[in-house]
Amino acid sequence: LARHALDLAVAMIAGDLPRSGPGVIRTVRHQLVVRESA
């Protein structure tokens, strides 16, 4: 799970994911959940 979150973050930084839309909202929400559970 941590590796998947890291891959998403790297992909976003690299610009592989769209900067807006449901994908980003889902990614940000996932990152917030991971941060709270850390």
C-alpha atoms as a PDB file:
ATOM      1  CA  LEU A   1       0.000   0.000   0.000  1.00  0.00           C
ATOM      2  CA  ALA A   2       2.800   2.393   0.873  1.00  0.00           C
ATOM      3  CA  ARG A   3       4.578   1.564  -2.375  1.00  0.00           C
ATOM      4  CA  HIS A   4       1.381   2.213  -4.338  1.00  0.00           C
ATOM      5  CA  ALA A   5       0.957   5.617  -2.674  1.00  0.00           C
ATOM      6  CA  LEU A   6       4.588   6.433  -3.420  1.00  0.00           C
ATOM      7  CA  ASP A   7       4.130   5.455  -7.065  1.00  0.00           C
ATOM      8  CA  LEU A   8       1.093   7.747  -7.288  1.00  0.00           C
ATOM      9  CA  ALA A   9       3.059  10.635  -5.792  1.00  0.00           C
ATOM     10  CA  VAL A  10       5.975  10.082  -8.173  1.00  0.00           C
ATOM     11  CA  ALA A  11       3.618   9.847 -11.143  1.00  0.00           C
ATOM     12  CA  MET A  12       1.919  13.097 -10.171  1.00  0.00           C
ATOM     13  CA  ILE A  13       5.271  14.872  -9.766  1.00  0.00           C
ATOM     14  CA  ALA A  14       6.352  13.523 -13.144  1.00  0.00           C
ATOM     15  CA  GLY A  15       3.133  14.847 -14.668  1.00  0.00           C
ATOM     16  CA  ASP A  16       1.877  11.410 -15.692  1.00  0.00           C
ATOM     17  CA  LEU A  17      -1.445  12.043 -13.963  1.00  0.00           C
ATOM     18  CA  PRO A  18      -3.895  14.830 -14.809  1.00  0.00           C
ATOM     19  CA  ARG A  19      -3.631  17.837 -12.504  1.00  0.00           C
ATOM     20  CA  SER A  20      -7.405  18.109 -12.166  1.00  0.00           C
ATOM     21  CA  GLY A  21     -10.395  15.802 -12.132  1.00  0.00           C
ATOM     22  CA  PRO A  22     -11.600  12.756 -10.196  1.00  0.00           C
ATOM     23  CA  GLY A  23      -8.182  11.100 -10.421  1.00  0.00           C
ATOM     24  CA  VAL A  24      -6.449  13.856  -8.491  1.00  0.00           C
ATOM     25  CA  ILE A  25      -9.272  14.126  -5.976  1.00  0.00           C
ATOM     26  CA  ARG A  26      -9.041  10.386  -5.326  1.00  0.00           C
ATOM     27  CA  THR A  27      -5.244  10.554  -5.056  1.00  0.00           C
ATOM     28  CA  VAL A  28      -5.282  13.491  -2.650  1.00  0.00           C
ATOM     29  CA  ARG A  29      -7.944  11.838  -0.519  1.00  0.00           C
ATOM     30  CA  HIS A  30      -5.864   8.648  -0.438  1.00  0.00           C
ATOM     31  CA  GLN A  31      -2.739  10.581   0.579  1.00  0.00           C
ATOM     32  CA  LEU A  32      -4.674  12.284   3.398  1.00  0.00           C
ATOM     33  CA  VAL A  33      -5.881   8.911   4.682  1.00  0.00           C
ATOM     34  CA  VAL A  34      -2.340   7.514   4.567  1.00  0.00           C
ATOM     35  CA  ARG A  35      -0.989  10.588   6.366  1.00  0.00           C
ATOM     36  CA  GLU A  36      -3.608  10.345   9.125  1.00  0.00           C
ATOM     37  CA  SER A  37      -2.964   6.635   9.647  1.00  0.00           C
ATOM     38  CA  ALA A  38       0.824   7.084   9.703  1.00  0.00           C
END
